């Protein structure tokens, strides 16, 4: 199943939103003054602090982390010794995607 979000990688940059420069997450590399496409706006560039930048890094890494977690889940889902971890991974994947694990692992029709 194709996940329903903008595919990664996501990038951190200063983008233009409503005529102002903001710390943003974008699927493209942003240069100051660029407009969209934007995933999200974090804070005004003049007000951005280290917490804002760290939040932006975490958000930008989300597609890569989700892809890695799905790969780990597929690798260990049938391993009896790892069932507690598998259950935790499934919960995180489903929460992040809004889909069931079966929908996610379903092959795309060709």
N, C-alpha and C. Protein backbone atom coordinates (compact mmCIF):
# COMPACT_ATOMS: atom_id res chain seq x y z
N UNK A 1 0.85 -1.18 0.00
CA UNK A 1 0.00 0.00 0.00
C UNK A 1 0.89 1.23 0.00
N UNK A 2 0.58 2.16 -0.83
CA UNK A 2 1.31 3.42 -0.87
C UNK A 2 0.85 4.28 0.29
N UNK A 3 1.83 4.73 1.08
CA UNK A 3 1.49 5.59 2.21
C UNK A 3 1.03 6.94 1.69
N UNK A 4 0.12 7.56 2.42
CA UNK A 4 -0.54 8.77 1.94
C UNK A 4 0.04 10.02 2.60
N UNK A 5 1.29 10.29 2.31
CA UNK A 5 1.90 11.54 2.74
C UNK A 5 2.96 11.89 1.71
N UNK A 6 3.45 13.11 1.77
CA UNK A 6 4.48 13.54 0.84
C UNK A 6 5.73 12.71 1.08
N UNK A 7 6.22 12.02 0.05
CA UNK A 7 7.39 11.17 0.26
C UNK A 7 8.63 11.99 0.63
N UNK A 8 9.52 11.37 1.37
CA UNK A 8 10.77 12.01 1.76
C UNK A 8 11.76 11.97 0.61
N UNK A 9 12.90 12.55 0.76
CA UNK A 9 13.34 13.20 1.99
C UNK A 9 12.68 14.57 2.17
N UNK A 10 12.54 14.95 3.44
CA UNK A 10 12.05 16.29 3.76
C UNK A 10 13.24 17.12 4.20
N UNK A 11 13.21 18.40 3.90
CA UNK A 11 14.34 19.29 4.16
C UNK A 11 13.91 20.45 5.05
N UNK A 12 14.88 20.97 5.78
CA UNK A 12 14.67 22.15 6.62
C UNK A 12 15.20 23.34 5.84
N UNK A 13 14.46 24.43 5.85
CA UNK A 13 14.94 25.63 5.17
C UNK A 13 14.14 26.84 5.58
N UNK A 14 14.53 27.98 5.03
CA UNK A 14 13.79 29.22 5.24
C UNK A 14 12.97 29.44 3.98
N UNK A 15 11.66 29.30 4.12
CA UNK A 15 10.77 29.46 2.98
C UNK A 15 9.83 30.63 3.18
N UNK A 16 9.25 31.07 2.09
CA UNK A 16 8.34 32.20 2.14
C UNK A 16 6.91 31.68 2.27
N UNK A 17 6.24 32.14 3.32
CA UNK A 17 4.85 31.78 3.58
C UNK A 17 4.10 33.07 3.88
N UNK A 18 3.12 33.38 3.05
CA UNK A 18 2.31 34.58 3.22
C UNK A 18 3.16 35.84 3.31
N UNK A 19 4.21 35.91 2.46
CA UNK A 19 5.03 37.11 2.36
C UNK A 19 6.09 37.28 3.43
N UNK A 20 6.25 36.30 4.31
CA UNK A 20 7.26 36.35 5.37
C UNK A 20 8.18 35.15 5.26
N UNK A 21 9.41 35.27 5.76
CA UNK A 21 10.35 34.15 5.77
C UNK A 21 10.21 33.37 7.07
N UNK A 22 10.03 32.06 6.94
CA UNK A 22 9.78 31.17 8.07
C UNK A 22 10.71 29.96 8.02
N UNK A 23 10.99 29.41 9.20
CA UNK A 23 11.66 28.12 9.29
C UNK A 23 10.62 27.07 8.90
N UNK A 24 10.90 26.29 7.84
CA UNK A 24 9.90 25.39 7.26
C UNK A 24 10.49 24.01 7.01
N UNK A 25 9.59 23.06 6.80
CA UNK A 25 9.92 21.73 6.31
C UNK A 25 9.33 21.63 4.91
N UNK A 26 10.14 21.16 3.97
CA UNK A 26 9.70 21.09 2.58
C UNK A 26 10.23 19.83 1.92
N UNK A 27 9.51 19.30 0.91
CA UNK A 27 10.05 18.16 0.16
C UNK A 27 11.14 18.58 -0.82
N UNK A 28 11.37 19.88 -0.96
CA UNK A 28 12.45 20.36 -1.84
C UNK A 28 13.42 21.19 -0.99
N UNK A 29 14.60 21.42 -1.53
CA UNK A 29 15.58 22.24 -0.83
C UNK A 29 15.17 23.70 -1.00
N UNK A 30 14.98 24.39 0.12
CA UNK A 30 14.53 25.78 0.10
C UNK A 30 15.71 26.74 0.23
N UNK A 31 15.64 27.82 -0.49
CA UNK A 31 16.56 28.93 -0.30
C UNK A 31 15.71 30.09 0.23
N UNK A 32 16.33 31.00 0.94
CA UNK A 32 15.58 32.12 1.53
C UNK A 32 14.71 32.77 0.47
N UNK A 33 13.43 32.94 0.81
CA UNK A 33 12.49 33.59 -0.08
C UNK A 33 11.72 32.63 -0.98
N UNK A 34 12.14 31.35 -1.05
CA UNK A 34 11.41 30.37 -1.87
C UNK A 34 10.00 30.19 -1.33
N UNK A 35 9.09 29.91 -2.24
CA UNK A 35 7.73 29.56 -1.83
C UNK A 35 7.51 28.09 -2.12
N UNK A 36 6.74 27.44 -1.29
CA UNK A 36 6.32 26.05 -1.36
C UNK A 36 7.08 25.18 -2.34
N UNK A 37 6.72 23.93 -2.39
CA UNK A 37 5.71 23.34 -1.51
C UNK A 37 6.26 23.18 -0.09
N UNK A 38 5.38 23.35 0.87
CA UNK A 38 5.78 23.24 2.27
C UNK A 38 5.04 22.10 2.94
N UNK A 39 5.73 21.37 3.79
CA UNK A 39 5.11 20.34 4.64
C UNK A 39 4.51 21.04 5.85
N UNK A 40 5.31 21.89 6.50
CA UNK A 40 4.82 22.65 7.64
C UNK A 40 5.71 23.85 7.89
N UNK A 41 5.15 24.81 8.60
CA UNK A 41 5.87 26.02 9.01
C UNK A 41 6.14 25.89 10.50
N UNK A 42 7.39 26.06 10.90
CA UNK A 42 7.77 25.88 12.31
C UNK A 42 7.69 27.20 13.08
N UNK A 43 8.42 28.20 12.64
CA UNK A 43 8.41 29.49 13.33
C UNK A 43 8.98 30.56 12.41
N UNK A 44 8.71 31.82 12.74
CA UNK A 44 9.26 32.94 11.97
C UNK A 44 10.77 32.87 12.07
N UNK A 45 11.47 33.16 10.96
CA UNK A 45 12.92 32.98 10.97
C UNK A 45 13.61 33.81 12.04
N UNK A 46 13.07 34.97 12.40
CA UNK A 46 13.70 35.82 13.41
C UNK A 46 13.40 35.34 14.83
N UNK A 47 12.39 34.51 14.99
CA UNK A 47 12.02 34.02 16.32
C UNK A 47 12.48 32.58 16.55
N UNK A 48 13.01 31.92 15.53
CA UNK A 48 13.41 30.51 15.66
C UNK A 48 14.52 30.37 16.70
N UNK A 49 14.34 29.41 17.59
CA UNK A 49 15.37 29.12 18.59
C UNK A 49 15.84 27.68 18.42
N UNK A 50 16.73 27.23 19.29
CA UNK A 50 17.30 25.89 19.13
C UNK A 50 16.24 24.81 19.25
N UNK A 51 15.22 25.00 20.08
CA UNK A 51 14.14 24.01 20.18
C UNK A 51 13.38 23.92 18.86
N UNK A 52 13.11 25.06 18.23
CA UNK A 52 12.43 25.06 16.93
C UNK A 52 13.25 24.29 15.89
N UNK A 53 14.55 24.54 15.88
CA UNK A 53 15.43 23.86 14.91
C UNK A 53 15.46 22.36 15.20
N UNK A 54 15.54 21.98 16.48
CA UNK A 54 15.53 20.55 16.83
C UNK A 54 14.20 19.90 16.47
N UNK A 55 13.08 20.61 16.69
CA UNK A 55 11.77 20.08 16.27
C UNK A 55 11.73 19.90 14.76
N UNK A 56 12.27 20.87 14.04
CA UNK A 56 12.30 20.78 12.58
C UNK A 56 13.11 19.57 12.12
N UNK A 57 14.24 19.32 12.77
CA UNK A 57 15.07 18.15 12.42
C UNK A 57 14.28 16.85 12.62
N UNK A 58 13.57 16.76 13.75
CA UNK A 58 12.79 15.56 14.04
C UNK A 58 11.67 15.37 13.01
N UNK A 59 10.95 16.44 12.70
CA UNK A 59 9.88 16.35 11.71
C UNK A 59 10.44 15.96 10.35
N UNK A 60 11.55 16.58 9.95
CA UNK A 60 12.15 16.29 8.64
C UNK A 60 12.62 14.84 8.53
N UNK A 61 13.00 14.24 9.66
CA UNK A 61 13.46 12.85 9.65
C UNK A 61 12.32 11.84 9.66
N UNK A 62 11.08 12.28 9.87
CA UNK A 62 9.95 11.37 10.04
C UNK A 62 9.77 10.37 8.90
N UNK A 63 9.82 10.76 7.62
CA UNK A 63 9.63 9.75 6.58
C UNK A 63 10.70 8.66 6.60
N UNK A 64 11.95 9.05 6.88
CA UNK A 64 13.04 8.06 6.93
C UNK A 64 12.87 7.13 8.13
N UNK A 65 12.48 7.70 9.28
CA UNK A 65 12.26 6.86 10.46
C UNK A 65 11.12 5.89 10.25
N UNK A 66 10.03 6.36 9.63
CA UNK A 66 8.88 5.49 9.37
C UNK A 66 9.27 4.36 8.42
N UNK A 67 9.99 4.69 7.37
CA UNK A 67 10.42 3.66 6.42
C UNK A 67 11.29 2.62 7.10
N UNK A 68 12.22 3.06 7.95
CA UNK A 68 13.08 2.13 8.68
C UNK A 68 12.27 1.26 9.63
N UNK A 69 11.32 1.85 10.33
CA UNK A 69 10.50 1.10 11.29
C UNK A 69 9.64 0.05 10.58
N UNK A 70 9.09 0.39 9.43
CA UNK A 70 8.31 -0.58 8.66
C UNK A 70 9.21 -1.74 8.22
N UNK A 71 10.43 -1.45 7.79
CA UNK A 71 11.38 -2.51 7.40
C UNK A 71 11.71 -3.41 8.58
N UNK A 72 11.95 -2.82 9.75
CA UNK A 72 12.24 -3.61 10.96
C UNK A 72 11.03 -4.48 11.31
N UNK A 73 9.84 -3.90 11.25
CA UNK A 73 8.62 -4.66 11.55
C UNK A 73 8.52 -5.87 10.63
N UNK A 74 8.70 -5.66 9.34
CA UNK A 74 8.59 -6.77 8.39
C UNK A 74 9.62 -7.86 8.68
N UNK A 75 10.81 -7.46 9.08
CA UNK A 75 11.89 -8.41 9.36
C UNK A 75 11.60 -9.27 10.58
N UNK A 76 10.98 -8.70 11.61
CA UNK A 76 10.83 -9.40 12.89
C UNK A 76 9.40 -9.79 13.25
N UNK A 77 8.41 -9.52 12.40
CA UNK A 77 7.02 -9.74 12.78
C UNK A 77 6.70 -11.18 13.13
N UNK A 78 7.45 -12.14 12.62
CA UNK A 78 7.19 -13.55 12.91
C UNK A 78 8.15 -14.14 13.94
N UNK A 79 8.97 -13.30 14.57
CA UNK A 79 9.96 -13.74 15.55
C UNK A 79 9.32 -13.74 16.94
N UNK A 80 9.06 -14.93 17.50
CA UNK A 80 8.40 -15.04 18.80
C UNK A 80 9.14 -14.32 19.92
N UNK A 81 10.47 -14.24 19.84
CA UNK A 81 11.27 -13.61 20.88
C UNK A 81 11.11 -12.09 20.87
N UNK A 82 10.59 -11.54 19.80
CA UNK A 82 10.51 -10.08 19.66
C UNK A 82 9.07 -9.57 19.64
N UNK A 83 8.12 -10.37 20.09
CA UNK A 83 6.72 -9.99 19.95
C UNK A 83 6.34 -8.70 20.68
N UNK A 84 6.93 -8.45 21.85
CA UNK A 84 6.62 -7.19 22.54
C UNK A 84 7.08 -6.01 21.70
N UNK A 85 8.29 -6.08 21.18
CA UNK A 85 8.81 -5.00 20.33
C UNK A 85 7.98 -4.85 19.08
N UNK A 86 7.62 -5.97 18.46
CA UNK A 86 6.81 -5.94 17.24
C UNK A 86 5.49 -5.23 17.50
N UNK A 87 4.86 -5.51 18.65
CA UNK A 87 3.59 -4.87 18.99
C UNK A 87 3.79 -3.36 19.15
N UNK A 88 4.86 -2.94 19.80
CA UNK A 88 5.15 -1.51 19.96
C UNK A 88 5.38 -0.85 18.61
N UNK A 89 6.16 -1.50 17.74
CA UNK A 89 6.44 -0.94 16.40
C UNK A 89 5.14 -0.79 15.62
N UNK A 90 4.27 -1.82 15.70
CA UNK A 90 3.00 -1.77 14.98
C UNK A 90 2.16 -0.58 15.44
N UNK A 91 2.10 -0.38 16.74
CA UNK A 91 1.32 0.74 17.29
C UNK A 91 1.86 2.08 16.78
N UNK A 92 3.17 2.23 16.78
CA UNK A 92 3.79 3.48 16.32
C UNK A 92 3.52 3.69 14.83
N UNK A 93 3.68 2.64 14.03
CA UNK A 93 3.45 2.74 12.58
C UNK A 93 2.00 3.12 12.31
N UNK A 94 1.07 2.45 12.97
CA UNK A 94 -0.34 2.74 12.75
C UNK A 94 -0.70 4.16 13.21
N UNK A 95 -0.12 4.60 14.30
CA UNK A 95 -0.39 5.96 14.78
C UNK A 95 0.17 7.00 13.80
N UNK A 96 1.35 6.73 13.27
CA UNK A 96 1.99 7.68 12.35
C UNK A 96 1.27 7.76 11.00
N UNK A 97 0.65 6.66 10.58
CA UNK A 97 0.05 6.62 9.24
C UNK A 97 -1.46 6.76 9.23
N UNK A 98 -2.12 6.44 10.36
CA UNK A 98 -3.57 6.42 10.37
C UNK A 98 -4.13 5.23 9.62
N UNK A 99 -3.30 4.22 9.38
CA UNK A 99 -3.69 3.02 8.65
C UNK A 99 -3.37 1.80 9.50
N UNK A 100 -4.02 0.66 9.18
CA UNK A 100 -3.66 -0.58 9.87
C UNK A 100 -2.39 -1.14 9.26
N UNK A 101 -1.70 -1.96 10.02
CA UNK A 101 -0.45 -2.56 9.52
C UNK A 101 -0.72 -3.40 8.27
N UNK A 102 -1.89 -4.07 8.21
CA UNK A 102 -2.22 -4.87 7.04
C UNK A 102 -2.39 -4.00 5.80
N UNK A 103 -2.99 -2.82 5.95
CA UNK A 103 -3.13 -1.91 4.82
C UNK A 103 -1.75 -1.44 4.33
N UNK A 104 -0.85 -1.17 5.26
CA UNK A 104 0.48 -0.68 4.92
C UNK A 104 1.30 -1.74 4.19
N UNK A 105 1.20 -2.98 4.66
CA UNK A 105 2.02 -4.05 4.08
C UNK A 105 1.43 -4.63 2.79
N UNK A 106 0.21 -4.25 2.48
CA UNK A 106 -0.45 -4.72 1.27
C UNK A 106 0.34 -4.25 0.05
N UNK A 107 0.56 -5.15 -0.89
CA UNK A 107 1.29 -4.80 -2.11
C UNK A 107 0.44 -3.92 -3.00
N UNK A 108 1.10 -2.98 -3.66
CA UNK A 108 0.42 -2.14 -4.66
C UNK A 108 0.00 -3.01 -5.84
N UNK A 109 -1.21 -2.81 -6.35
CA UNK A 109 -1.59 -3.56 -7.56
C UNK A 109 -0.73 -3.11 -8.72
N UNK A 110 -0.34 -4.08 -9.54
CA UNK A 110 0.53 -3.75 -10.69
C UNK A 110 -0.23 -3.73 -11.97
